[in-house]
């Protein structure tokens, strides 16, 4: 099998979901796709820029950096990540001069960019979101939902943005994008995306299940990875290590004895078991007690009030794979 480019990816959910109903008269067309899943010939797509005008999605003749995959998505699938971003990145969103965010690889339907815009605007009313997809048909399907502050562009990891290549987003969200690629491809993708961030920008890259009950993500700044967040609907967990199946690509193959992430999940399960008497008060109280026990041995980060939401955030340095492999 031919090896993929180190910077080749789009979101890869588990099963196709039809796009939402489109206004009458809208249409899509299938992209020209090669046997390797790439788009060999650029397809011209007109993109709304939020003021009623349209322009080409990208410069003809340039191939986006990425591969076309299934692009399945679901409403509210990324709610846990979105709410964490709106809380933890709020100060930066409020003070930035250009509050533009990217939803990279949003999939076959525009639900996640629409939802991200709504959640960011609870913090910054003039926030803007750009949904970027490598499949021209998905961009065309999303265009009827464009509005002031919400654009849809054809592209990949090169991150085309309205306003030109010099524009730097304050946020890049890449959910369910890297999961199917090789572990040794992750560092190059992270480096490319981090290089595009505003000086105080944030890249959030991770994986969740099909309906967003379990989610693990890495938060990165321009300098590289900072933290790892584990988030769950607590009623869906038997043990915290159930989240292992949603580890991002940089960590999922390192959940083996001798690796820090394996030790963390082992200790989390032990703390969860020790907190079992609190189950009578609800899963939230048990989770909070287990997290408090973890804090004696692991460098937790972020606002402790987020623990009530079924979240815990750990410093990247404590979970980073042994022997390197990623930044």
C-alpha atoms as a PDB file:
ATOM      1  CA  UNK A   1       0.000   0.000   0.000  1.00  0.00           C
ATOM      2  CA  UNK A   2       1.328   3.428  -0.901  1.00  0.00           C
ATOM      3  CA  UNK A   3       2.423   5.527   2.051  1.00  0.00           C
ATOM      4  CA  UNK A   4       0.457   8.649   2.799  1.00  0.00           C
ATOM      5  CA  UNK A   5       1.947  12.072   3.139  1.00  0.00           C
ATOM      6  CA  UNK A   6       2.839  13.074   6.707  1.00  0.00           C
ATOM      7  CA  UNK A   7       0.358  15.886   6.421  1.00  0.00           C
ATOM      8  CA  UNK A   8      -2.515  13.960   4.838  1.00  0.00           C
ATOM      9  CA  UNK A   9      -5.724  13.751   6.809  1.00  0.00           C
ATOM     10  CA  UNK A  10      -9.347  14.645   7.153  1.00  0.00           C
ATOM     11  CA  UNK A  11     -11.856  13.673   9.826  1.00  0.00           C
ATOM     12  CA  UNK A  12     -12.593   9.957   9.821  1.00  0.00           C
ATOM     13  CA  UNK A  13     -15.766   9.127  11.719  1.00  0.00           C
ATOM     14  CA  UNK A  14     -17.102   5.586  11.856  1.00  0.00           C
ATOM     15  CA  UNK A  15     -20.143   5.388   9.587  1.00  0.00           C
ATOM     16  CA  UNK A  16     -21.798   7.578   6.956  1.00  0.00           C
ATOM     17  CA  UNK A  17     -24.430  10.053   8.130  1.00  0.00           C
ATOM     18  CA  UNK A  18     -26.510  11.955   5.575  1.00  0.00           C
ATOM     19  CA  UNK A  19     -26.042  15.692   5.342  1.00  0.00           C
ATOM     20  CA  UNK A  20     -28.856  17.904   6.653  1.00  0.00           C
ATOM     21  CA  UNK A  21     -31.598  18.947   4.290  1.00  0.00           C
ATOM     22  CA  UNK A  22     -30.517  21.747   1.992  1.00  0.00           C
ATOM     23  CA  UNK A  23     -32.582  24.623   0.702  1.00  0.00           C
ATOM     24  CA  UNK A  24     -34.443  24.046  -2.546  1.00  0.00           C
ATOM     25  CA  UNK A  25     -32.295  24.556  -5.583  1.00  0.00           C
ATOM     26  CA  UNK A  26     -29.010  23.699  -3.847  1.00  0.00           C
ATOM     27  CA  UNK A  27     -26.889  20.941  -5.317  1.00  0.00           C
ATOM     28  CA  UNK A  28     -23.676  19.066  -4.858  1.00  0.00           C
ATOM     29  CA  UNK A  29     -21.499  17.093  -7.188  1.00  0.00           C
ATOM     30  CA  UNK A  30     -19.074  14.301  -6.524  1.00  0.00           C
ATOM     31  CA  UNK A  31     -15.373  15.188  -6.687  1.00  0.00           C
ATOM     32  CA  UNK A  32     -13.013  13.534  -9.103  1.00  0.00           C
ATOM     33  CA  UNK A  33     -11.149  11.049  -6.884  1.00  0.00           C
ATOM     34  CA  UNK A  34      -8.192   8.912  -7.812  1.00  0.00           C
ATOM     35  CA  UNK A  35      -7.698   5.284  -6.826  1.00  0.00           C
ATOM     36  CA  UNK A  36      -5.596   6.472  -3.871  1.00  0.00           C
ATOM     37  CA  UNK A  37      -8.416   8.663  -2.568  1.00  0.00           C
ATOM     38  CA  UNK A  38      -6.833  11.972  -3.527  1.00  0.00           C
ATOM     39  CA  UNK A  39      -8.458  14.718  -5.535  1.00  0.00           C
ATOM     40  CA  UNK A  40      -6.187  14.846  -8.600  1.00  0.00           C
ATOM     41  CA  UNK A  41      -7.937  17.651 -10.455  1.00  0.00           C
ATOM     42  CA  UNK A  42      -9.119  20.793  -8.659  1.00  0.00           C
ATOM     43  CA  UNK A  43     -12.866  21.324  -8.842  1.00  0.00           C
ATOM     44  CA  UNK A  44     -14.039  24.916  -8.943  1.00  0.00           C
ATOM     45  CA  UNK A  45     -16.253  25.758  -5.960  1.00  0.00           C
ATOM     46  CA  UNK A  46     -17.648  29.163  -5.097  1.00  0.00           C
ATOM     47  CA  UNK A  47     -17.551  30.057  -1.418  1.00  0.00           C
ATOM     48  CA  UNK A  48     -19.581  32.623   0.469  1.00  0.00           C
ATOM     49  CA  UNK A  49     -17.492  35.143   2.345  1.00  0.00           C
ATOM     50  CA  UNK A  50     -20.289  36.015   4.730  1.00  0.00           C
ATOM     51  CA  UNK A  51     -21.574  39.152   3.028  1.00  0.00           C
ATOM     52  CA  UNK A  52     -23.551  37.656   0.170  1.00  0.00           C
ATOM     53  CA  UNK A  53     -20.639  37.609  -2.277  1.00  0.00           C
ATOM     54  CA  UNK A  54     -18.826  34.507  -3.465  1.00  0.00           C
ATOM     55  CA  UNK A  55     -15.289  33.737  -4.503  1.00  0.00           C
ATOM     56  CA  UNK A  56     -13.284  30.679  -5.550  1.00  0.00           C
ATOM     57  CA  UNK A  57     -12.487  28.402  -2.616  1.00  0.00           C
ATOM     58  CA  UNK A  58      -8.808  28.178  -3.530  1.00  0.00           C
ATOM     59  CA  UNK A  59      -6.330  28.949  -6.233  1.00  0.00           C
ATOM     60  CA  UNK A  60      -6.905  26.652  -9.249  1.00  0.00           C
ATOM     61  CA  UNK A  61      -4.122  24.154  -9.821  1.00  0.00           C
ATOM     62  CA  UNK A  62      -3.129  23.767  -6.173  1.00  0.00           C
ATOM     63  CA  UNK A  63      -3.947  20.457  -4.543  1.00  0.00           C
ATOM     64  CA  UNK A  64      -5.012  20.625  -0.889  1.00  0.00           C
ATOM     65  CA  UNK A  65      -2.846  18.789   1.617  1.00  0.00           C
ATOM     66  CA  UNK A  66      -4.953  15.799   2.601  1.00  0.00           C
ATOM     67  CA  UNK A  67      -6.985  12.763   1.588  1.00  0.00           C
ATOM     68  CA  UNK A  68     -10.712  12.378   0.993  1.00  0.00           C
ATOM     69  CA  UNK A  69     -12.292  10.025   3.539  1.00  0.00           C
ATOM     70  CA  UNK A  70     -15.848   9.208   4.634  1.00  0.00           C
ATOM     71  CA  UNK A  71     -16.444  12.466   6.486  1.00  0.00           C
ATOM     72  CA  UNK A  72     -19.177  11.164   8.774  1.00  0.00           C
ATOM     73  CA  UNK A  73     -20.372  13.587  11.431  1.00  0.00           C
ATOM     74  CA  UNK A  74     -23.191  13.928  13.960  1.00  0.00           C
ATOM     75  CA  UNK A  75     -24.947  16.850  15.622  1.00  0.00           C
ATOM     76  CA  UNK A  76     -23.406  17.787  18.968  1.00  0.00           C
ATOM     77  CA  UNK A  77     -20.671  15.202  18.593  1.00  0.00           C
ATOM     78  CA  UNK A  78     -17.996  17.737  19.599  1.00  0.00           C
ATOM     79  CA  UNK A  79     -19.898  19.461  22.402  1.00  0.00           C
ATOM     80  CA  UNK A  80     -17.433  18.464  25.134  1.00  0.00           C
ATOM     81  CA  UNK A  81     -14.455  19.818  23.223  1.00  0.00           C
ATOM     82  CA  UNK A  82     -16.336  22.998  22.253  1.00  0.00           C
ATOM     83  CA  UNK A  83     -17.374  23.763  25.813  1.00  0.00           C
ATOM     84  CA  UNK A  84     -13.843  23.208  27.093  1.00  0.00           C
ATOM     85  CA  UNK A  85     -12.473  25.551  24.415  1.00  0.00           C
ATOM     86  CA  UNK A  86     -15.027  28.249  25.242  1.00  0.00           C
ATOM     87  CA  UNK A  87     -14.088  28.029  28.925  1.00  0.00           C
ATOM     88  CA  UNK A  88     -10.325  27.521  28.870  1.00  0.00           C
ATOM     89  CA  UNK A  89      -9.560  29.746  25.856  1.00  0.00           C
ATOM     90  CA  UNK A  90     -12.019  32.485  26.803  1.00  0.00           C
ATOM     91  CA  UNK A  91      -9.475  35.094  27.875  1.00  0.00           C
ATOM     92  CA  UNK A  92      -7.585  34.805  24.583  1.00  0.00           C
ATOM     93  CA  UNK A  93     -10.800  34.906  22.559  1.00  0.00           C
ATOM     94  CA  UNK A  94     -11.887  38.084  24.325  1.00  0.00           C
ATOM     95  CA  UNK A  95      -8.655  40.008  23.831  1.00  0.00           C
ATOM     96  CA  UNK A  96      -7.619  38.928  20.321  1.00  0.00           C
ATOM     97  CA  UNK A  97      -7.950  41.475  17.537  1.00  0.00           C
ATOM     98  CA  UNK A  98      -8.993  38.813  14.993  1.00  0.00           C
ATOM     99  CA  UNK A  99     -11.268  36.166  16.576  1.00  0.00           C
ATOM    100  CA  UNK A 100     -11.186  33.656  13.703  1.00  0.00           C
ATOM    101  CA  UNK A 101     -11.346  29.900  14.340  1.00  0.00           C
ATOM    102  CA  UNK A 102     -10.946  26.948  11.968  1.00  0.00           C
ATOM    103  CA  UNK A 103     -12.944  23.724  12.016  1.00  0.00           C
ATOM    104  CA  UNK A 104     -10.611  21.501  10.020  1.00  0.00           C
ATOM    105  CA  UNK A 105     -12.158  18.482   8.292  1.00  0.00           C
ATOM    106  CA  UNK A 106     -15.742  19.145   9.398  1.00  0.00           C
ATOM    107  CA  UNK A 107     -17.143  16.260   7.335  1.00  0.00           C
ATOM    108  CA  UNK A 108     -20.123  15.618   5.124  1.00  0.00           C
ATOM    109  CA  UNK A 109     -22.472  18.033   6.908  1.00  0.00           C
ATOM    110  CA  UNK A 110     -21.884  21.491   8.411  1.00  0.00           C
ATOM    111  CA  UNK A 111     -23.149  20.759  11.912  1.00  0.00           C
ATOM    112  CA  UNK A 112     -19.860  21.115  13.769  1.00  0.00           C
ATOM    113  CA  UNK A 113     -18.850  24.533  12.332  1.00  0.00           C
ATOM    114  CA  UNK A 114     -22.339  25.863  13.060  1.00  0.00           C
ATOM    115  CA  UNK A 115     -22.175  24.596  16.640  1.00  0.00           C
ATOM    116  CA  UNK A 116     -18.644  25.894  17.183  1.00  0.00           C
ATOM    117  CA  UNK A 117     -19.691  29.359  16.035  1.00  0.00           C
ATOM    118  CA  UNK A 118     -22.587  29.418  18.485  1.00  0.00           C
ATOM    119  CA  UNK A 119     -20.426  28.331  21.407  1.00  0.00           C
ATOM    120  CA  UNK A 120     -17.596  30.732  20.672  1.00  0.00           C
ATOM    121  CA  UNK A 121     -20.034  33.614  20.365  1.00  0.00           C
ATOM    122  CA  UNK A 122     -21.121  33.092  23.961  1.00  0.00           C
ATOM    123  CA  UNK A 123     -17.591  34.341  24.765  1.00  0.00           C
ATOM    124  CA  UNK A 124     -16.856  36.632  21.813  1.00  0.00           C
ATOM    125  CA  UNK A 125     -19.972  37.848  19.954  1.00  0.00           C
ATOM    126  CA  UNK A 126     -18.026  38.703  16.783  1.00  0.00           C
ATOM    127  CA  UNK A 127     -16.168  35.373  16.602  1.00  0.00           C
ATOM    128  CA  UNK A 128     -15.785  33.914  13.112  1.00  0.00           C
ATOM    129  CA  UNK A 129     -15.514  30.251  12.082  1.00  0.00           C
ATOM    130  CA  UNK A 130     -14.098  28.872   8.843  1.00  0.00           C
ATOM    131  CA  UNK A 131     -15.001  25.283   8.024  1.00  0.00           C
ATOM    132  CA  UNK A 132     -12.322  23.689   5.821  1.00  0.00           C
ATOM    133  CA  UNK A 133     -12.936  20.476   3.899  1.00  0.00           C
ATOM    134  CA  UNK A 134     -10.855  18.680   1.294  1.00  0.00           C
ATOM    135  CA  UNK A 135     -13.873  17.267  -0.562  1.00  0.00           C
ATOM    136  CA  UNK A 136     -15.338  19.937  -2.890  1.00  0.00           C
ATOM    137  CA  UNK A 137     -18.781  18.299  -2.762  1.00  0.00           C
ATOM    138  CA  UNK A 138     -18.893  18.750   1.003  1.00  0.00           C
ATOM    139  CA  UNK A 139     -18.013  22.425   0.632  1.00  0.00           C
ATOM    140  CA  UNK A 140     -20.756  22.853  -1.968  1.00  0.00           C
ATOM    141  CA  UNK A 141     -23.268  21.121   0.321  1.00  0.00           C
ATOM    142  CA  UNK A 142     -22.361  23.459   3.178  1.00  0.00           C
ATOM    143  CA  UNK A 143     -22.594  26.728   1.224  1.00  0.00           C
ATOM    144  CA  UNK A 144     -26.341  27.280   1.858  1.00  0.00           C
ATOM    145  CA  UNK A 145     -25.513  27.469   5.566  1.00  0.00           C
ATOM    146  CA  UNK A 146     -22.855  30.168   5.215  1.00  0.00           C
ATOM    147  CA  UNK A 147     -23.686  33.405   6.978  1.00  0.00           C
ATOM    148  CA  UNK A 148     -21.860  36.451   8.301  1.00  0.00           C
ATOM    149  CA  UNK A 149     -19.028  35.043  10.373  1.00  0.00           C
ATOM    150  CA  UNK A 150     -19.296  31.507   8.995  1.00  0.00           C
ATOM    151  CA  UNK A 151     -17.434  30.511   5.820  1.00  0.00           C
ATOM    152  CA  UNK A 152     -16.782  27.178   4.115  1.00  0.00           C
ATOM    153  CA  UNK A 153     -13.586  26.702   2.112  1.00  0.00           C
ATOM    154  CA  UNK A 154     -12.035  23.912   0.087  1.00  0.00           C
ATOM    155  CA  UNK A 155      -8.629  22.949   1.455  1.00  0.00           C
ATOM    156  CA  UNK A 156      -6.570  20.862   3.819  1.00  0.00           C
ATOM    157  CA  UNK A 157      -3.653  21.337   6.174  1.00  0.00           C
ATOM    158  CA  UNK A 158      -2.497  24.404   4.259  1.00  0.00           C
ATOM    159  CA  UNK A 159      -5.491  26.184   5.918  1.00  0.00           C
ATOM    160  CA  UNK A 160      -6.823  28.631   3.317  1.00  0.00           C
ATOM    161  CA  UNK A 161      -8.521  31.532   5.081  1.00  0.00           C
ATOM    162  CA  UNK A 162     -10.539  34.538   3.935  1.00  0.00           C
ATOM    163  CA  UNK A 163      -8.188  37.490   3.883  1.00  0.00           C
ATOM    164  CA  UNK A 164      -5.143  35.679   2.542  1.00  0.00           C
ATOM    165  CA  UNK A 165      -2.342  33.364   3.680  1.00  0.00           C
ATOM    166  CA  UNK A 166      -0.979  35.784   6.264  1.00  0.00           C
ATOM    167  CA  UNK A 167      -4.062  35.519   8.467  1.00  0.00           C
ATOM    168  CA  UNK A 168      -3.449  33.539  11.669  1.00  0.00           C
ATOM    169  CA  UNK A 169      -6.350  31.785  13.447  1.00  0.00           C
ATOM    170  CA  UNK A 170      -6.722  32.052  17.202  1.00  0.00           C
ATOM    171  CA  UNK A 171      -8.098  28.495  17.236  1.00  0.00           C
ATOM    172  CA  UNK A 172      -7.793  25.397  15.066  1.00  0.00           C
ATOM    173  CA  UNK A 173     -10.019  22.483  15.970  1.00  0.00           C
ATOM    174  CA  UNK A 174      -9.108  19.150  14.317  1.00  0.00           C
ATOM    175  CA  UNK A 175     -11.387  16.463  15.713  1.00  0.00           C
ATOM    176  CA  UNK A 176     -11.294  12.871  14.442  1.00  0.00           C
ATOM    177  CA  UNK A 177      -8.763  13.871  11.785  1.00  0.00           C
ATOM    178  CA  UNK A 178      -5.531  12.011  12.534  1.00  0.00           C
ATOM    179  CA  UNK A 179      -6.882   8.794  14.000  1.00  0.00           C
ATOM    180  CA  UNK A 180      -6.376   6.585  10.938  1.00  0.00           C
ATOM    181  CA  UNK A 181      -2.837   7.702  10.121  1.00  0.00           C
ATOM    182  CA  UNK A 182       0.522   6.457  11.281  1.00  0.00           C
ATOM    183  CA  UNK A 183       1.844   7.599  14.631  1.00  0.00           C
ATOM    184  CA  UNK A 184       5.008   8.911  13.036  1.00  0.00           C
ATOM    185  CA  UNK A 185       2.938  11.277  10.882  1.00  0.00           C
ATOM    186  CA  UNK A 186       1.510  13.185  13.832  1.00  0.00           C
ATOM    187  CA  UNK A 187       4.488  15.414  14.606  1.00  0.00           C
ATOM    188  CA  UNK A 188       4.627  16.860  11.079  1.00  0.00           C
ATOM    189  CA  UNK A 189       0.900  17.640  11.126  1.00  0.00           C
ATOM    190  CA  UNK A 190       1.134  19.289  14.533  1.00  0.00           C
ATOM    191  CA  UNK A 191       4.114  21.369  13.463  1.00  0.00           C
ATOM    192  CA  UNK A 192       2.397  22.554  10.280  1.00  0.00           C
ATOM    193  CA  UNK A 193      -0.793  23.561  12.077  1.00  0.00           C
ATOM    194  CA  UNK A 194       0.938  25.146  15.072  1.00  0.00           C
ATOM    195  CA  UNK A 195       3.002  27.257  12.683  1.00  0.00           C
ATOM    196  CA  UNK A 196      -0.244  28.807  11.397  1.00  0.00           C
ATOM    197  CA  UNK A 197      -1.558  29.825  14.822  1.00  0.00           C
ATOM    198  CA  UNK A 198      -1.728  33.365  16.126  1.00  0.00           C
ATOM    199  CA  UNK A 199       0.920  33.997  18.836  1.00  0.00           C
ATOM    200  CA  UNK A 200      -1.586  33.139  21.586  1.00  0.00           C
ATOM    201  CA  UNK A 201      -3.544  30.663  19.459  1.00  0.00           C
ATOM    202  CA  UNK A 202      -4.607  27.116  20.304  1.00  0.00           C
ATOM    203  CA  UNK A 203      -4.720  23.881  18.312  1.00  0.00           C
ATOM    204  CA  UNK A 204      -7.075  21.254  19.741  1.00  0.00           C
ATOM    205  CA  UNK A 205      -6.643  17.797  18.197  1.00  0.00           C
ATOM    206  CA  UNK A 206      -8.352  14.650  19.410  1.00  0.00           C
ATOM    207  CA  UNK A 207     -10.819  11.818  19.008  1.00  0.00           C
ATOM    208  CA  UNK A 208     -14.319  11.050  20.257  1.00  0.00           C
ATOM    209  CA  UNK A 209     -16.943   8.360  19.850  1.00  0.00           C
ATOM    210  CA  UNK A 210     -19.754   8.654  17.327  1.00  0.00           C
ATOM    211  CA  UNK A 211     -22.152  10.559  19.602  1.00  0.00           C
ATOM    212  CA  UNK A 212     -19.621  12.467  21.700  1.00  0.00           C
ATOM    213  CA  UNK A 213     -19.922  10.622  25.030  1.00  0.00           C
ATOM    214  CA  UNK A 214     -16.173   9.969  25.316  1.00  0.00           C
ATOM    215  CA  UNK A 215     -13.481  12.316  24.095  1.00  0.00           C
ATOM    216  CA  UNK A 216      -9.730  12.779  24.555  1.00  0.00           C
ATOM    217  CA  UNK A 217      -7.816  15.680  23.048  1.00  0.00           C
ATOM    218  CA  UNK A 218      -4.412  17.348  23.060  1.00  0.00           C
ATOM    219  CA  UNK A 219      -4.162  21.141  23.330  1.00  0.00           C
ATOM    220  CA  UNK A 220      -1.167  22.735  21.609  1.00  0.00           C
ATOM    221  CA  UNK A 221       0.165  26.260  21.386  1.00  0.00           C
ATOM    222  CA  UNK A 222       2.598  27.633  18.792  1.00  0.00           C
ATOM    223  CA  UNK A 223       5.409  26.084  20.856  1.00  0.00           C
ATOM    224  CA  UNK A 224       3.900  22.570  20.802  1.00  0.00           C
ATOM    225  CA  UNK A 225       1.737  20.302  22.992  1.00  0.00           C
ATOM    226  CA  UNK A 226       0.623  21.574  26.381  1.00  0.00           C
ATOM    227  CA  UNK A 227      -2.046  19.347  27.896  1.00  0.00           C
ATOM    228  CA  UNK A 228      -4.212  16.253  27.397  1.00  0.00           C
ATOM    229  CA  UNK A 229      -7.886  16.361  28.411  1.00  0.00           C
ATOM    230  CA  UNK A 230     -10.077  13.336  29.146  1.00  0.00           C
ATOM    231  CA  UNK A 231     -13.826  14.030  29.003  1.00  0.00           C
ATOM    232  CA  UNK A 232     -16.817  11.738  29.329  1.00  0.00           C
ATOM    233  CA  UNK A 233     -20.501  11.418  29.998  1.00  0.00           C
ATOM    234  CA  UNK A 234     -19.878   9.817  33.352  1.00  0.00           C
ATOM    235  CA  UNK A 235     -22.903   7.559  33.220  1.00  0.00           C
ATOM    236  CA  UNK A 236     -21.364   5.841  30.196  1.00  0.00           C
ATOM    237  CA  UNK A 237     -18.167   4.785  32.024  1.00  0.00           C
ATOM    238  CA  UNK A 238     -17.473   1.570  33.859  1.00  0.00           C
ATOM    239  CA  UNK A 239     -13.897   2.684  34.533  1.00  0.00           C
ATOM    240  CA  UNK A 240     -11.856   5.726  33.443  1.00  0.00           C
ATOM    241  CA  UNK A 241      -9.680   3.474  31.280  1.00  0.00           C
ATOM    242  CA  UNK A 242     -12.706   3.050  29.002  1.00  0.00           C
ATOM    243  CA  UNK A 243     -11.450   6.328  27.528  1.00  0.00           C
ATOM    244  CA  UNK A 244      -8.355   4.550  26.196  1.00  0.00           C
ATOM    245  CA  UNK A 245     -10.184   3.659  22.999  1.00  0.00           C
ATOM    246  CA  UNK A 246     -10.521   7.390  22.251  1.00  0.00           C
ATOM    247  CA  UNK A 247      -6.915   8.380  22.831  1.00  0.00           C
ATOM    248  CA  UNK A 248      -5.581  10.586  20.018  1.00  0.00           C
ATOM    249  CA  UNK A 249      -3.170   9.066  17.546  1.00  0.00           C
ATOM    250  CA  UNK A 250      -0.108  10.365  19.373  1.00  0.00           C
ATOM    251  CA  UNK A 251      -1.027   8.237  22.406  1.00  0.00           C
ATOM    252  CA  UNK A 252      -3.303   5.360  21.443  1.00  0.00           C
ATOM    253  CA  UNK A 253      -0.500   2.955  20.535  1.00  0.00           C
ATOM    254  CA  UNK A 254       1.354   3.879  23.734  1.00  0.00           C
ATOM    255  CA  UNK A 255      -1.277   2.485  26.080  1.00  0.00           C
ATOM    256  CA  UNK A 256       1.009  -0.400  27.041  1.00  0.00           C
ATOM    257  CA  UNK A 257       2.977  -1.183  30.202  1.00  0.00           C
ATOM    258  CA  UNK A 258       5.992   1.063  30.596  1.00  0.00           C
ATOM    259  CA  UNK A 259       4.380   4.079  28.901  1.00  0.00           C
ATOM    260  CA  UNK A 260       3.182   7.091  30.928  1.00  0.00           C
ATOM    261  CA  UNK A 261      -0.348   7.134  29.508  1.00  0.00           C
ATOM    262  CA  UNK A 262      -0.809   3.491  30.519  1.00  0.00           C
ATOM    263  CA  UNK A 263       0.386   4.283  34.052  1.00  0.00           C
ATOM    264  CA  UNK A 264      -1.976   7.260  34.220  1.00  0.00           C
ATOM    265  CA  UNK A 265      -5.038   5.226  33.224  1.00  0.00           C
ATOM    266  CA  UNK A 266      -4.018   2.447  35.630  1.00  0.00           C
ATOM    267  CA  UNK A 267      -3.796   4.953  38.483  1.00  0.00           C
ATOM    268  CA  UNK A 268      -7.071   6.548  37.433  1.00  0.00           C
ATOM    269  CA  UNK A 269      -8.834   3.169  37.572  1.00  0.00           C
ATOM    270  CA  UNK A 270      -7.404   2.560  41.046  1.00  0.00           C
ATOM    271  CA  UNK A 271      -8.559   5.976  42.240  1.00  0.00           C
ATOM    272  CA  UNK A 272     -11.982   5.316  40.716  1.00  0.00           C
ATOM    273  CA  UNK A 273     -12.220   1.997  42.575  1.00  0.00           C
ATOM    274  CA  UNK A 274     -11.190   3.651  45.849  1.00  0.00           C
ATOM    275  CA  UNK A 275     -13.957   6.229  45.370  1.00  0.00           C
ATOM    276  CA  UNK A 276     -16.637   3.560  44.868  1.00  0.00           C
ATOM    277  CA  UNK A 277     -18.425   4.357  48.171  1.00  0.00           C
ATOM    278  CA  UNK A 278     -19.313   7.764  46.704  1.00  0.00           C
ATOM    279  CA  UNK A 279     -21.288   6.107  43.903  1.00  0.00           C
ATOM    280  CA  UNK A 280     -24.372   6.434  46.080  1.00  0.00           C
ATOM    281  CA  UNK A 281     -24.060  10.200  45.616  1.00  0.00           C
ATOM    282  CA  UNK A 282     -23.702   9.911  41.840  1.00  0.00           C
ATOM    283  CA  UNK A 283     -21.002   9.369  39.235  1.00  0.00           C
ATOM    284  CA  UNK A 284     -19.994  13.044  39.359  1.00  0.00           C
ATOM    285  CA  UNK A 285     -19.035  12.869  43.030  1.00  0.00           C
ATOM    286  CA  UNK A 286     -17.120   9.666  42.437  1.00  0.00           C
ATOM    287  CA  UNK A 287     -15.252  11.226  39.490  1.00  0.00           C
ATOM    288  CA  UNK A 288     -14.321  14.314  41.484  1.00  0.00           C
ATOM    289  CA  UNK A 289     -12.975  12.209  44.343  1.00  0.00           C
ATOM    290  CA  UNK A 290     -10.950  10.052  41.948  1.00  0.00           C
ATOM    291  CA  UNK A 291      -9.496  13.141  40.268  1.00  0.00           C
ATOM    292  CA  UNK A 292      -8.566  14.631  43.642  1.00  0.00           C
ATOM    293  CA  UNK A 293      -6.674  11.433  44.445  1.00  0.00           C
ATOM    294  CA  UNK A 294      -4.905  11.549  41.070  1.00  0.00           C
ATOM    295  CA  UNK A 295      -3.698  15.065  41.790  1.00  0.00           C
ATOM    296  CA  UNK A 296      -1.366  13.747  44.486  1.00  0.00           C
ATOM    297  CA  UNK A 297       0.764  11.961  41.862  1.00  0.00           C
ATOM    298  CA  UNK A 298      -0.024  13.555  38.488  1.00  0.00           C
ATOM    299  CA  UNK A 299       0.370  17.199  37.348  1.00  0.00           C
ATOM    300  CA  UNK A 300      -3.206  18.218  36.640  1.00  0.00           C
ATOM    301  CA  UNK A 301      -3.907  21.483  34.838  1.00  0.00           C
ATOM    302  CA  UNK A 302      -6.782  23.812  34.086  1.00  0.00           C
ATOM    303  CA  UNK A 303      -9.710  25.009  36.163  1.00  0.00           C
ATOM    304  CA  UNK A 304     -10.673  22.429  38.834  1.00  0.00           C
ATOM    305  CA  UNK A 305     -14.311  23.438  38.387  1.00  0.00           C
ATOM    306  CA  UNK A 306     -14.185  21.619  35.038  1.00  0.00           C
ATOM    307  CA  UNK A 307     -13.980  18.319  36.938  1.00  0.00           C
ATOM    308  CA  UNK A 308     -17.719  18.621  37.591  1.00  0.00           C
ATOM    309  CA  UNK A 309     -18.245  18.344  33.836  1.00  0.00           C
ATOM    310  CA  UNK A 310     -16.595  14.935  33.691  1.00  0.00           C
ATOM    311  CA  UNK A 311     -13.215  16.323  32.604  1.00  0.00           C
ATOM    312  CA  UNK A 312      -9.645  16.083  33.793  1.00  0.00           C
ATOM    313  CA  UNK A 313      -6.664  17.776  32.149  1.00  0.00           C
ATOM    314  CA  UNK A 314      -3.063  16.590  32.547  1.00  0.00           C
ATOM    315  CA  UNK A 315       0.211  18.208  31.510  1.00  0.00           C
ATOM    316  CA  UNK A 316       1.457  16.791  28.213  1.00  0.00           C
ATOM    317  CA  UNK A 317       4.961  16.276  29.596  1.00  0.00           C
ATOM    318  CA  UNK A 318       3.588  13.740  32.089  1.00  0.00           C
ATOM    319  CA  UNK A 319       1.936  11.607  29.372  1.00  0.00           C
ATOM    320  CA  UNK A 320       4.291  12.132  26.409  1.00  0.00           C
ATOM    321  CA  UNK A 321       5.476   8.872  24.820  1.00  0.00           C
ATOM    322  CA  UNK A 322       8.807   7.543  25.970  1.00  0.00           C
ATOM    323  CA  UNK A 323      11.513   7.870  23.372  1.00  0.00           C
ATOM    324  CA  UNK A 324       9.853  10.834  21.706  1.00  0.00           C
ATOM    325  CA  UNK A 325       7.981  10.323  18.459  1.00  0.00           C
ATOM    326  CA  UNK A 326       5.956  13.535  18.782  1.00  0.00           C
ATOM    327  CA  UNK A 327       6.904  17.040  19.875  1.00  0.00           C
END
